[in-house]
Amino acid sequence: MANSNDIVAMQARLQEFLERDDIEDAEKDFVQRALRYTQERSPQTMMPTAQEREAKLILIKDIRQRHRLQLENANLEHEPIFRRLHLSCLVNMSQADLEDLSGATIEEINDHLDDCLPVLKQILYGRQQEAHEARHATDSVKDDRNTNDPEVASPSGESDDHTKDRGLSPSVYRRPSLRIDTLRENGRCIITGVYEPVDAAHIISFSASHTTERVEALKEFWRYNKRMFGSHLTAGLEACLRNAGDGEYAWNTITLSRDMHNMWDNNLFGLQPMPEQPTDDEMTIRVRLQWFPISERVYQWKQAVEPSHKTIASMYDRINAPVGAQYGINVLSGRLLLSGNVYTIRCMPEDRDKKLVALNARWHAQVILFCAGGAGVPADLINYDEEDDEDGIALRLIAENSSPGVCYTYVPGCNPA
């Protein structure tokens, strides 16, 4: 259950945000409601009662029923955003907010959710559920870019399985220049020091620059959240990802062992670029390892991300604290892989600025994903079958009750930078 200090800290963050000059009207209105909601409730009443949960369930079912009726009237253009947001937002609104929306049209609800409650879902991989599939699933996807480096089969005509046996993932082996550049700079895993099996791990995984549509969706995502990430960071990313295919070069990859690549993909650790980089070596980037202490939520990229007061107020402080558990060793130095360790990434001088931008963007995204905690709700509850309507909502309400002290809505700018 939330304590008084937690609630005061959340109120202070909301009040600080209200005092900013660049706040928009829709955000100001939302923050004022969130602040009023926390002020009206004591620590003992921050969790919804059974009566409140039942009342919210009835309101949400009514909204969903009207949504189905409107769909029958061909309002299909509103379906994607509503399906993406309504379960992850409506369930987490206060009963008063739900009552305010109960008479609204679906268009008005969409506007409300889109303006005030942008759910950061699969933040490292793009906004679409299918954006981050199995790691090599996009290897055979054709893109719309002009390139002198087409995908080719293994020079020796070996199968994918045999390529894996040799320690190279199919994605590295099918793109000769990416393989050569990445492995030339860091032939071993930059963390463990192992030589194989190694992957060319994408830093911005939804570089998915196979189509113009996808790269534009990526840029739109970062632009939409520029207040959280900072305009300098989003502008830097736009410069790096101007066209389809721009992310499929060595500046957007680092060499990781397959195990470390899997853990990085699952947000179990992050690599924070050091504030001060070597000035006498333009081929070196230094990063700090940070393990994220996550229990029972390993595959976070599959979670519905709902930044919470609980994690903002407490878990963020743990990011800078070393994790004492042994996660393995570096085979060259014998050093344990612990939070706080500093590792070196090699790169070409012309790629250094882009790689730093990408690493910094990934780090910010991972911190926010970690602070969000994924709310402990599997993503399939967001896209549950219509026939499971009542059960699905009831499960979300149970999940709400299992995360004490959580402010379930995301306010741009209230998360730690």
Protein backbone atom coordinates (compact mmCIF):
# COMPACT_ATOMS: atom_id res chain seq x y z
CA MET A 1 0.00 0.00 0.00
CA ALA A 2 1.25 3.51 -0.75
CA ASN A 3 2.69 5.41 2.21
CA SER A 4 2.38 9.13 2.93
CA ASN A 5 5.86 9.88 1.62
CA ASP A 6 5.07 8.21 -1.70
CA ILE A 7 1.90 10.23 -2.16
CA VAL A 8 3.62 13.49 -1.21
CA ALA A 9 6.41 12.74 -3.68
CA MET A 10 3.90 12.11 -6.47
CA GLN A 11 2.01 15.30 -5.65
CA ALA A 12 5.27 17.25 -5.72
CA ARG A 13 6.13 15.90 -9.18
CA LEU A 14 2.69 16.76 -10.51
CA GLN A 15 2.81 20.25 -9.00
CA GLU A 16 6.27 20.84 -10.46
CA PHE A 17 5.01 19.85 -13.88
CA LEU A 18 2.06 22.25 -13.61
CA GLU A 19 4.45 25.15 -13.07
CA ARG A 20 6.23 24.61 -16.38
CA ASP A 21 5.77 27.23 -19.08
CA ASP A 22 5.60 24.78 -21.97
CA ILE A 23 2.74 22.67 -20.66
CA GLU A 24 -0.17 22.27 -23.07
CA ASP A 25 -3.80 22.77 -22.10
CA ALA A 26 -4.73 19.09 -22.46
CA GLU A 27 -1.78 18.03 -20.32
CA LYS A 28 -2.50 20.72 -17.74
CA ASP A 29 -6.11 19.62 -17.43
CA PHE A 30 -5.04 16.00 -17.04
CA VAL A 31 -2.34 16.77 -14.45
CA GLN A 32 -4.77 18.86 -12.42
CA ARG A 33 -7.19 15.94 -12.31
CA ALA A 34 -4.40 13.56 -11.30
CA LEU A 35 -3.26 15.95 -8.57
CA ARG A 36 -6.80 16.40 -7.29
CA TYR A 37 -7.30 12.64 -7.29
CA THR A 38 -4.23 12.03 -5.11
CA GLN A 39 -5.10 14.86 -2.74
CA GLU A 40 -8.59 13.52 -2.16
CA ARG A 41 -7.44 10.05 -1.21
CA SER A 42 -5.48 8.99 1.84
CA PRO A 43 -2.80 6.25 1.75
CA GLN A 44 -5.35 3.85 3.19
CA THR A 45 -7.79 4.50 0.34
CA MET A 46 -5.40 4.64 -2.63
CA MET A 47 -6.42 1.12 -3.59
CA PRO A 48 -9.89 0.72 -5.12
CA THR A 49 -12.53 -1.01 -3.07
CA ALA A 50 -14.59 -3.90 -4.36
CA GLN A 51 -17.50 -1.51 -4.92
CA GLU A 52 -15.30 0.88 -6.91
CA ARG A 53 -13.93 -1.95 -9.04
CA GLU A 54 -17.46 -3.16 -9.77
CA ALA A 55 -18.61 0.36 -10.66
CA LYS A 56 -15.64 0.82 -12.97
CA LEU A 57 -16.33 -2.54 -14.59
CA ILE A 58 -19.90 -1.49 -15.39
CA LEU A 59 -18.77 1.85 -16.84
CA ILE A 60 -16.11 0.26 -19.01
CA LYS A 61 -18.47 -2.40 -20.30
CA ASP A 62 -20.91 0.34 -21.26
CA ILE A 63 -18.22 2.28 -23.12
CA ARG A 64 -17.11 -0.86 -24.92
CA GLN A 65 -20.66 -1.72 -25.91
CA ARG A 66 -21.18 1.71 -27.44
CA HIS A 67 -17.86 1.28 -29.21
CA ARG A 68 -19.10 -1.93 -30.84
CA LEU A 69 -22.28 -0.21 -31.94
CA GLN A 70 -20.34 2.65 -33.48
CA LEU A 71 -18.13 0.21 -35.33
CA GLU A 72 -21.25 -1.21 -36.93
CA ASN A 73 -21.83 2.29 -38.27
CA ALA A 74 -18.52 2.13 -40.13
CA ASN A 75 -16.40 4.23 -37.76
CA LEU A 76 -13.53 1.87 -38.44
CA GLU A 77 -10.88 4.57 -38.64
CA HIS A 78 -11.02 4.87 -34.85
CA GLU A 79 -10.49 1.19 -34.21
CA PRO A 80 -6.66 0.98 -34.14
CA ILE A 81 -6.06 3.63 -31.50
CA PHE A 82 -9.02 2.53 -29.40
CA ARG A 83 -7.94 -1.09 -29.43
CA ARG A 84 -4.42 -0.09 -28.52
CA LEU A 85 -5.27 2.21 -25.67
CA HIS A 86 -8.67 1.69 -24.20
CA LEU A 87 -7.97 -1.35 -22.02
CA SER A 88 -4.64 -0.10 -20.77
CA CYS A 89 -6.10 3.33 -19.96
CA LEU A 90 -9.79 3.03 -19.16
CA VAL A 91 -9.23 0.38 -16.51
CA ASN A 92 -6.65 2.57 -14.85
CA MET A 93 -8.72 5.75 -14.72
CA SER A 94 -10.49 6.89 -11.61
CA GLN A 95 -14.19 6.24 -11.37
CA ALA A 96 -14.83 9.98 -11.66
CA ASP A 97 -12.91 10.17 -14.94
CA LEU A 98 -14.81 7.19 -16.28
CA GLU A 99 -18.10 8.84 -15.38
CA ASP A 100 -16.97 11.96 -17.25
CA LEU A 101 -16.29 9.85 -20.32
CA SER A 102 -19.35 7.64 -20.03
CA GLY A 103 -21.41 9.94 -22.23
CA ALA A 104 -18.64 10.75 -24.67
CA THR A 105 -18.42 9.51 -28.21
CA ILE A 106 -15.66 7.13 -29.20
CA GLU A 107 -14.00 9.97 -31.08
CA GLU A 108 -13.91 12.05 -27.91
CA ILE A 109 -12.59 9.13 -25.91
CA ASN A 110 -9.86 8.58 -28.48
CA ASP A 111 -8.91 12.24 -28.35
CA HIS A 112 -8.76 12.11 -24.58
CA LEU A 113 -6.59 9.02 -24.52
CA ASP A 114 -4.35 10.11 -27.35
CA ASP A 115 -3.68 13.53 -25.84
CA CYS A 116 -3.33 12.66 -22.19
CA LEU A 117 -2.51 8.97 -21.78
CA PRO A 118 0.01 7.83 -24.41
CA VAL A 119 0.82 4.31 -23.26
CA LEU A 120 4.48 3.51 -23.85
CA LYS A 121 4.12 0.03 -25.23
CA GLN A 122 7.14 -1.92 -26.38
CA ILE A 123 9.13 1.25 -26.10
CA LEU A 124 12.33 -0.21 -27.44
CA TYR A 125 10.77 -1.85 -30.45
CA GLY A 126 8.18 0.55 -31.77
CA ARG A 127 4.51 0.96 -31.05
CA GLN A 128 3.13 -2.01 -32.95
CA GLN A 129 2.73 -5.43 -31.38
CA GLU A 130 4.37 -7.01 -34.42
CA ALA A 131 7.23 -4.51 -34.59
CA HIS A 132 9.55 -6.69 -32.54
CA GLU A 133 9.12 -10.26 -33.62
CA ALA A 134 11.63 -13.07 -33.23
CA ARG A 135 15.07 -11.52 -33.47
CA HIS A 136 15.84 -12.72 -36.99
CA ALA A 137 12.31 -12.85 -38.31
CA THR A 138 12.82 -9.75 -40.47
CA ASP A 139 15.94 -11.04 -42.18
CA SER A 140 14.02 -12.02 -45.30
CA VAL A 141 11.81 -8.92 -45.39
CA LYS A 142 12.42 -6.82 -48.47
CA ASP A 143 12.81 -3.09 -47.96
CA ASP A 144 12.17 -0.13 -50.18
CA ARG A 145 15.62 1.40 -50.06
CA ASN A 146 18.26 1.60 -52.73
CA THR A 147 21.36 -0.19 -51.51
CA ASN A 148 24.59 -1.58 -52.77
CA ASP A 149 24.55 -4.16 -50.01
CA PRO A 150 21.69 -6.57 -50.82
CA GLU A 151 20.92 -9.51 -48.66
CA VAL A 152 22.85 -12.50 -49.88
CA ALA A 153 23.18 -16.10 -48.93
CA SER A 154 26.15 -17.37 -47.00
CA PRO A 155 29.25 -17.21 -49.25
CA SER A 156 29.90 -20.84 -48.58
CA GLY A 157 26.30 -21.81 -49.32
CA GLU A 158 25.82 -22.97 -45.73
CA SER A 159 22.41 -23.25 -44.16
CA ASP A 160 21.22 -20.97 -41.38
CA ASP A 161 21.66 -23.74 -38.83
CA HIS A 162 25.25 -24.25 -39.86
CA THR A 163 25.82 -20.50 -39.74
CA LYS A 164 24.57 -20.49 -36.17
CA ASP A 165 26.91 -23.34 -35.35
CA ARG A 166 29.80 -21.17 -36.51
CA GLY A 167 28.77 -18.50 -34.04
CA LEU A 168 27.16 -15.94 -36.35
CA SER A 169 23.48 -15.15 -36.43
CA PRO A 170 21.80 -15.36 -39.86
CA SER A 171 21.16 -11.59 -39.84
CA VAL A 172 24.88 -10.90 -39.51
CA TYR A 173 25.84 -13.46 -42.11
CA ARG A 174 23.31 -12.31 -44.72
CA ARG A 175 24.47 -8.70 -44.66
CA PRO A 176 28.18 -8.87 -45.44
CA SER A 177 29.01 -5.22 -44.72
CA LEU A 178 27.15 -5.23 -41.40
CA ARG A 179 28.88 -8.43 -40.38
CA ILE A 180 32.32 -7.21 -41.43
CA ASP A 181 31.99 -3.76 -39.87
CA THR A 182 30.52 -4.95 -36.59
CA LEU A 183 32.93 -7.81 -36.06
CA ARG A 184 35.90 -5.77 -37.23
CA GLU A 185 35.26 -3.23 -34.50
CA ASN A 186 34.39 -5.70 -31.74
CA GLY A 187 35.14 -9.29 -32.65
CA ARG A 188 34.14 -10.45 -29.20
CA CYS A 189 31.17 -9.74 -26.97
CA ILE A 190 31.89 -6.32 -25.51
CA ILE A 191 30.72 -7.48 -22.06
CA THR A 192 31.63 -11.14 -21.63
CA GLY A 193 34.62 -11.22 -23.98
CA VAL A 194 33.46 -14.48 -25.59
CA TYR A 195 34.31 -14.95 -29.24
CA GLU A 196 31.30 -17.00 -30.26
CA PRO A 197 28.42 -17.32 -30.65
CA VAL A 198 28.05 -13.56 -31.14
CA ASP A 199 25.35 -11.35 -32.67
CA ALA A 200 25.34 -7.91 -34.22
CA ALA A 201 22.77 -6.58 -31.76
CA HIS A 202 20.75 -3.59 -32.93
CA ILE A 203 20.83 -0.68 -30.50
CA ILE A 204 17.54 0.78 -31.73
CA SER A 205 15.79 -2.49 -32.39
CA PHE A 206 12.89 -0.96 -34.24
CA SER A 207 15.27 0.46 -36.75
CA ALA A 208 12.97 -1.77 -38.89
CA SER A 209 14.00 0.53 -41.63
CA HIS A 210 12.74 -1.95 -44.20
CA THR A 211 9.98 0.46 -45.26
CA THR A 212 9.47 4.19 -45.26
CA GLU A 213 6.27 3.69 -43.28
CA ARG A 214 8.08 1.99 -40.44
CA VAL A 215 10.90 4.48 -40.19
CA GLU A 216 8.36 7.32 -40.16
CA ALA A 217 6.44 5.53 -37.39
CA LEU A 218 9.66 5.30 -35.39
CA LYS A 219 10.45 8.98 -35.82
CA GLU A 220 6.87 9.87 -34.92
CA PHE A 221 7.19 7.83 -31.73
CA TRP A 222 10.31 9.66 -30.58
CA ARG A 223 8.88 13.05 -31.58
CA TYR A 224 5.67 12.37 -29.68
CA ASN A 225 7.67 11.66 -26.53
CA LYS A 226 10.25 14.41 -26.97
CA ARG A 227 9.25 16.01 -23.70
CA MET A 228 10.23 12.84 -21.90
CA PHE A 229 13.43 12.17 -23.82
CA GLY A 230 14.43 15.76 -24.56
CA SER A 231 14.38 17.62 -27.86
CA HIS A 232 18.13 17.25 -28.32
CA LEU A 233 17.88 13.47 -28.18
CA THR A 234 14.91 13.22 -30.51
CA ALA A 235 16.51 15.63 -33.00
CA GLY A 236 19.67 13.53 -32.95
CA LEU A 237 17.71 10.37 -33.66
CA GLU A 238 15.87 12.00 -36.55
CA ALA A 239 19.20 12.96 -38.08
CA CYS A 240 20.37 9.34 -37.81
CA LEU A 241 17.17 7.80 -39.18
CA ARG A 242 16.24 10.00 -42.11
CA ASN A 243 15.35 7.26 -44.59
CA ALA A 244 14.38 3.62 -44.75
CA GLY A 245 17.44 1.46 -44.24
CA ASP A 246 19.45 4.02 -42.27
CA GLY A 247 19.43 1.86 -39.15
CA GLU A 248 20.93 -1.18 -40.88
CA TYR A 249 24.53 -0.09 -40.53
CA ALA A 250 27.28 -0.72 -38.02
CA TRP A 251 26.67 2.51 -36.08
CA ASN A 252 23.39 0.97 -34.88
CA THR A 253 24.89 -2.36 -33.76
CA ILE A 254 27.17 -3.66 -31.06
CA THR A 255 28.65 -7.11 -30.64
CA LEU A 256 27.02 -9.21 -27.92
CA SER A 257 27.06 -12.89 -27.16
CA ARG A 258 23.77 -14.56 -27.93
CA ASP A 259 22.91 -14.89 -24.24
CA MET A 260 23.66 -11.24 -23.55
CA HIS A 261 21.68 -10.25 -26.65
CA ASN A 262 18.64 -12.11 -25.34
CA MET A 263 18.98 -10.45 -21.93
CA TRP A 264 19.38 -7.01 -23.53
CA ASP A 265 16.27 -7.61 -25.63
CA ASN A 266 14.37 -8.53 -22.47
CA ASN A 267 15.48 -5.34 -20.70
CA LEU A 268 17.41 -7.21 -18.02
CA PHE A 269 20.32 -4.81 -18.30
CA GLY A 270 21.19 -1.48 -19.87
CA LEU A 271 24.36 0.17 -21.16
CA GLN A 272 24.65 3.79 -20.10
CA PRO A 273 27.08 5.94 -22.10
CA MET A 274 29.54 7.55 -19.71
CA PRO A 275 29.13 11.34 -19.30
CA GLU A 276 32.74 11.88 -20.34
CA GLN A 277 34.03 10.00 -23.37
CA PRO A 278 37.69 9.67 -24.41
CA THR A 279 38.81 12.77 -26.29
CA ASP A 280 42.05 11.29 -27.59
CA ASP A 281 40.48 8.21 -29.19
CA GLU A 282 37.69 8.75 -31.71
CA MET A 283 37.18 5.00 -32.08
CA THR A 284 36.19 4.33 -28.46
CA ILE A 285 32.93 4.67 -26.54
CA ARG A 286 32.74 3.82 -22.84
CA VAL A 287 29.51 2.47 -21.33
CA ARG A 288 28.47 1.49 -17.82
CA LEU A 289 26.64 -1.80 -17.22
CA GLN A 290 23.45 -1.63 -15.18
CA TRP A 291 21.44 -4.70 -14.26
CA PHE A 292 17.76 -3.96 -13.75
CA PRO A 293 16.49 -5.91 -10.72
CA ILE A 294 13.36 -7.43 -12.20
CA SER A 295 11.60 -10.34 -10.58
CA GLU A 296 8.97 -12.51 -12.25
CA ARG A 297 8.78 -10.16 -15.24
CA VAL A 298 11.52 -11.32 -17.53
CA TYR A 299 10.03 -10.71 -20.96
CA GLN A 300 9.16 -7.06 -20.39
CA TRP A 301 8.86 -6.15 -24.04
CA LYS A 302 5.68 -8.22 -24.10
CA GLN A 303 4.19 -6.25 -21.25
CA ALA A 304 1.79 -3.34 -21.40
CA VAL A 305 3.84 -0.41 -20.20
CA GLU A 306 2.11 1.86 -17.73
CA PRO A 307 4.52 4.18 -15.89
CA SER A 308 3.66 4.21 -12.22
CA HIS A 309 4.16 6.47 -9.25
CA LYS A 310 5.48 3.56 -7.22
CA THR A 311 8.41 2.99 -9.53
CA ILE A 312 9.00 6.66 -10.23
CA ALA A 313 9.21 7.37 -6.51
CA SER A 314 11.31 4.42 -5.44
CA MET A 315 12.65 2.07 -8.13
CA TYR A 316 14.48 4.74 -10.11
CA ASP A 317 16.86 5.26 -7.20
CA ARG A 318 17.90 1.63 -7.46
CA ILE A 319 19.20 2.04 -10.99
CA ASN A 320 22.42 3.61 -9.76
CA ALA A 321 22.86 1.02 -7.02
CA PRO A 322 25.11 -1.95 -7.84
CA VAL A 323 23.47 -5.36 -8.01
CA GLY A 324 25.45 -7.81 -5.94
CA ALA A 325 24.36 -11.00 -7.65
CA GLN A 326 26.82 -12.80 -9.91
CA TYR A 327 25.61 -12.81 -13.49
CA GLY A 328 28.72 -14.39 -15.00
CA ILE A 329 32.26 -13.32 -15.73
CA ASN A 330 34.30 -11.74 -18.48
CA VAL A 331 36.34 -14.59 -19.92
CA LEU A 332 39.32 -12.32 -20.61
CA SER A 333 39.60 -10.46 -17.31
CA GLY A 334 37.79 -12.86 -14.99
CA ARG A 335 35.80 -9.89 -13.72
CA LEU A 336 32.23 -10.44 -12.53
CA LEU A 337 29.57 -8.79 -14.66
CA LEU A 338 28.21 -6.37 -12.07
CA SER A 339 26.40 -3.06 -12.21
CA GLY A 340 28.87 -0.23 -12.40
CA ASN A 341 31.39 -2.06 -14.55
CA VAL A 342 32.63 0.05 -17.47
CA TYR A 343 33.15 -1.53 -20.89
CA THR A 344 34.58 -0.27 -24.16
CA ILE A 345 32.86 -0.28 -27.53
CA ARG A 346 34.99 0.17 -30.63
CA CYS A 347 33.65 1.98 -33.67
CA MET A 348 34.75 3.87 -36.75
CA PRO A 349 35.37 7.60 -36.15
CA GLU A 350 32.64 8.61 -38.61
CA ASP A 351 30.12 6.41 -36.76
CA ARG A 352 30.92 7.52 -33.24
CA ASP A 353 28.42 10.38 -32.92
CA LYS A 354 25.56 8.31 -34.33
CA LYS A 355 26.38 5.34 -32.11
CA LEU A 356 26.47 7.60 -29.05
CA VAL A 357 23.05 9.04 -29.95
CA ALA A 358 21.61 5.56 -30.42
CA LEU A 359 23.11 4.22 -27.17
CA ASN A 360 21.86 7.25 -25.25
CA ALA A 361 18.36 6.88 -26.72
CA ARG A 362 18.25 3.19 -25.89
CA TRP A 363 19.42 3.86 -22.34
CA HIS A 364 16.71 6.46 -21.76
CA ALA A 365 14.07 4.13 -23.16
CA GLN A 366 15.23 1.22 -21.01
CA VAL A 367 15.21 3.33 -17.85
CA ILE A 368 11.63 4.39 -18.52
CA LEU A 369 10.60 0.82 -19.32
CA PHE A 370 12.23 -0.35 -16.10
CA CYS A 371 10.56 2.40 -14.06
CA ALA A 372 7.25 1.58 -15.68
CA GLY A 373 7.65 -1.96 -14.44
CA GLY A 374 5.33 -3.26 -17.14
CA ALA A 375 2.54 -3.19 -14.54
CA GLY A 376 2.84 -6.98 -14.45
CA VAL A 377 0.12 -7.43 -17.06
CA PRO A 378 0.76 -9.66 -20.11
CA ALA A 379 0.19 -7.89 -23.40
CA ASP A 380 -2.35 -10.48 -24.51
CA LEU A 381 -4.78 -9.02 -21.99
CA ILE A 382 -4.81 -5.84 -24.04
CA ASN A 383 -5.81 -7.67 -27.19
CA TYR A 384 -8.01 -10.27 -25.61
CA ASP A 385 -10.85 -11.86 -27.52
CA GLU A 386 -14.16 -10.04 -27.46
CA GLU A 387 -15.86 -13.11 -26.05
CA ASP A 388 -13.71 -12.83 -22.91
CA ASP A 389 -14.84 -9.27 -22.31
CA GLU A 390 -15.85 -9.45 -18.66
CA ASP A 391 -13.09 -11.84 -17.64
CA GLY A 392 -10.45 -9.75 -19.37
CA ILE A 393 -11.49 -6.55 -17.64
CA ALA A 394 -11.79 -8.34 -14.31
CA LEU A 395 -8.23 -9.61 -14.70
CA ARG A 396 -6.99 -6.09 -15.34
CA LEU A 397 -8.77 -4.89 -12.22
CA ILE A 398 -7.09 -7.67 -10.27
CA ALA A 399 -3.76 -6.59 -11.70
CA GLU A 400 -4.52 -3.03 -10.66
CA ASN A 401 -5.11 -4.22 -7.12
CA SER A 402 -1.82 -6.14 -7.12
CA SER A 403 0.30 -3.01 -7.65
CA PRO A 404 -0.26 -0.91 -4.51
CA GLY A 405 0.29 2.80 -4.62
CA VAL A 406 0.47 3.00 -8.37
CA CYS A 407 -0.56 6.06 -10.33
CA TYR A 408 -1.58 4.27 -13.49
CA THR A 409 -1.45 7.17 -15.88
CA TYR A 410 1.54 8.60 -17.68
CA VAL A 411 2.14 12.33 -17.57
CA PRO A 412 4.82 13.55 -20.04
CA GLY A 413 7.67 15.16 -18.17
CA CYS A 414 6.92 13.58 -14.78
CA ASN A 415 9.27 10.65 -15.31
CA PRO A 416 12.94 10.98 -14.28
CA ALA A 417 15.16 12.15 -17.10
